[in-house]
C-alpha cells in the first residue's frame, strides 16, 4: 500500500511547491511594478531594495520553495527570471 500511496503524496507536494513558486513570482512582479510606479525606477536585480522596505515585502524576500534559490528581477523585461519549474 505504501508503494502506491507514497509516490502520489510526493508528486502532489512537488506540484504544490511549483505552484507556490509561480505565485511568488507573480507577487514579486506586482511589487516591482508598484516600486517603479512610486519611484520611477525599477528595483535592483536582486530585489534587495524591495526586501528592505516593509511596505513592499513585509515578510522579507521569499526564496523559491522548489529549490531554495533567490529570485532575480530583469528590469529590461520587468519579469522574474529563472524559476521555470
C-alpha atoms as a PDB file:
ATOM      1  CA  UNK A   1       0.000   0.000   0.000  1.00  0.00           C
ATOM      2  CA  UNK A   2       2.823   2.410   0.854  1.00  0.00           C
ATOM      3  CA  UNK A   3       4.392   1.758  -2.539  1.00  0.00           C
ATOM      4  CA  UNK A   4       1.239   3.118  -4.171  1.00  0.00           C
ATOM      5  CA  UNK A   5       0.387   5.996  -1.805  1.00  0.00           C
ATOM      6  CA  UNK A   6       3.825   7.476  -1.108  1.00  0.00           C
ATOM      7  CA  UNK A   7       4.715   8.403  -4.725  1.00  0.00           C
ATOM      8  CA  UNK A   8       1.361  10.136  -5.116  1.00  0.00           C
ATOM      9  CA  UNK A   9       1.874  12.202  -1.986  1.00  0.00           C
ATOM     10  CA  UNK A  10       5.366  13.157  -3.121  1.00  0.00           C
ATOM     11  CA  UNK A  11       4.188  14.278  -6.563  1.00  0.00           C
ATOM     12  CA  UNK A  12       1.422  16.408  -5.040  1.00  0.00           C
ATOM     13  CA  UNK A  13       3.962  18.075  -2.757  1.00  0.00           C
ATOM     14  CA  UNK A  14       6.205  18.894  -5.710  1.00  0.00           C
ATOM     15  CA  UNK A  15       3.254  20.322  -7.646  1.00  0.00           C
ATOM     16  CA  UNK A  16       2.306  22.485  -4.665  1.00  0.00           C
ATOM     17  CA  UNK A  17       5.857  23.841  -4.434  1.00  0.00           C
ATOM     18  CA  UNK A  18       5.859  24.688  -8.158  1.00  0.00           C
ATOM     19  CA  UNK A  19       2.508  26.457  -7.753  1.00  0.00           C
ATOM     20  CA  UNK A  20       3.860  28.412  -4.762  1.00  0.00           C
ATOM     21  CA  UNK A  21       6.898  29.457  -6.804  1.00  0.00           C
ATOM     22  CA  UNK A  22       4.642  30.656  -9.609  1.00  0.00           C
ATOM     23  CA  UNK A  23       2.519  32.647  -7.149  1.00  0.00           C
ATOM     24  CA  UNK A  24       5.582  34.206  -5.514  1.00  0.00           C
ATOM     25  CA  UNK A  25       6.999  35.202  -8.906  1.00  0.00           C
ATOM     26  CA  UNK A  26       3.722  36.921  -9.739  1.00  0.00           C
ATOM     27  CA  UNK A  27       3.639  38.733  -6.409  1.00  0.00           C
ATOM     28  CA  UNK A  28       7.225  39.917  -6.806  1.00  0.00           C
ATOM     29  CA  UNK A  29       6.485  41.221 -10.300  1.00  0.00           C
ATOM     30  CA  UNK A  30       3.482  43.173  -8.972  1.00  0.00           C
ATOM     31  CA  UNK A  31       5.595  44.621  -6.167  1.00  0.00           C
ATOM     32  CA  UNK A  32       8.299  45.583  -8.683  1.00  0.00           C
ATOM     33  CA  UNK A  33       5.682  47.366 -10.795  1.00  0.00           C
ATOM     34  CA  UNK A  34       4.438  49.252  -7.726  1.00  0.00           C
ATOM     35  CA  UNK A  35       8.031  50.190  -6.883  1.00  0.00           C
ATOM     36  CA  UNK A  36       8.502  51.537 -10.410  1.00  0.00           C
ATOM     37  CA  UNK A  37       5.221  53.434 -10.302  1.00  0.00           C
ATOM     38  CA  UNK A  38       6.039  55.013  -6.942  1.00  0.00           C
ATOM     39  CA  UNK A  39       9.748  55.735  -7.504  1.00  0.00           C
ATOM     40  CA  UNK A  40      10.230  55.978 -11.255  1.00  0.00           C
ATOM     41  CA  UNK A  41      12.943  53.306 -11.380  1.00  0.00           C
ATOM     42  CA  UNK A  42      12.898  49.537 -11.403  1.00  0.00           C
ATOM     43  CA  UNK A  43      14.130  47.675  -8.314  1.00  0.00           C
ATOM     44  CA  UNK A  44      17.579  46.123  -8.141  1.00  0.00           C
ATOM     45  CA  UNK A  45      18.101  42.796  -9.896  1.00  0.00           C
ATOM     46  CA  UNK A  46      18.425  41.008  -6.555  1.00  0.00           C
ATOM     47  CA  UNK A  47      15.301  42.785  -5.220  1.00  0.00           C
ATOM     48  CA  UNK A  48      17.247  43.872  -2.142  1.00  0.00           C
ATOM     49  CA  UNK A  49      15.619  47.314  -2.186  1.00  0.00           C
ATOM     50  CA  UNK A  50      12.144  45.759  -2.154  1.00  0.00           C
ATOM     51  CA  UNK A  51      13.177  43.497   0.707  1.00  0.00           C
ATOM     52  CA  UNK A  52      14.461  46.464   2.711  1.00  0.00           C
ATOM     53  CA  UNK A  53      11.097  48.257   2.526  1.00  0.00           C
ATOM     54  CA  UNK A  54       8.366  46.635   4.612  1.00  0.00           C
ATOM     55  CA  UNK A  55       5.717  48.460   2.570  1.00  0.00           C
ATOM     56  CA  UNK A  56       6.516  46.150  -0.342  1.00  0.00           C
ATOM     57  CA  UNK A  57       7.614  42.879   1.261  1.00  0.00           C
ATOM     58  CA  UNK A  58       6.601  42.946   4.941  1.00  0.00           C
ATOM     59  CA  UNK A  59       7.686  39.322   5.447  1.00  0.00           C
ATOM     60  CA  UNK A  60      11.010  39.821   3.690  1.00  0.00           C
ATOM     61  CA  UNK A  61      12.225  38.484   0.379  1.00  0.00           C
ATOM     62  CA  UNK A  62      10.961  34.947  -0.236  1.00  0.00           C
ATOM     63  CA  UNK A  63      13.067  32.174  -1.706  1.00  0.00           C
ATOM     64  CA  UNK A  64      11.896  29.600  -4.193  1.00  0.00           C
ATOM     65  CA  UNK A  65      10.040  26.789  -2.398  1.00  0.00           C
ATOM     66  CA  UNK A  66      11.167  24.308  -5.070  1.00  0.00           C
ATOM     67  CA  UNK A  67      14.936  24.709  -4.763  1.00  0.00           C
ATOM     68  CA  UNK A  68      15.551  27.440  -2.171  1.00  0.00           C
ATOM     69  CA  UNK A  69      17.197  29.776  -4.673  1.00  0.00           C
ATOM     70  CA  UNK A  70      16.826  33.544  -4.704  1.00  0.00           C
ATOM     71  CA  UNK A  71      14.552  35.345  -7.124  1.00  0.00           C
ATOM     72  CA  UNK A  72      16.170  37.690  -9.649  1.00  0.00           C
ATOM     73  CA  UNK A  73      14.467  40.557 -11.441  1.00  0.00           C
ATOM     74  CA  UNK A  74      15.206  41.598 -15.026  1.00  0.00           C
ATOM     75  CA  UNK A  75      14.394  45.311 -15.426  1.00  0.00           C
ATOM     76  CA  UNK A  76      14.538  45.004 -19.220  1.00  0.00           C
ATOM     77  CA  UNK A  77      11.586  42.592 -19.284  1.00  0.00           C
ATOM     78  CA  UNK A  78      10.086  43.595 -15.926  1.00  0.00           C
ATOM     79  CA  UNK A  79       9.872  39.912 -15.004  1.00  0.00           C
ATOM     80  CA  UNK A  80      11.356  37.497 -12.515  1.00  0.00           C
ATOM     81  CA  UNK A  81      13.877  35.387 -14.407  1.00  0.00           C
ATOM     82  CA  UNK A  82      14.601  31.705 -13.972  1.00  0.00           C
ATOM     83  CA  UNK A  83      12.290  29.507 -11.925  1.00  0.00           C
ATOM     84  CA  UNK A  84      10.720  27.754 -14.886  1.00  0.00           C
ATOM     85  CA  UNK A  85       9.682  24.735 -12.826  1.00  0.00           C
END
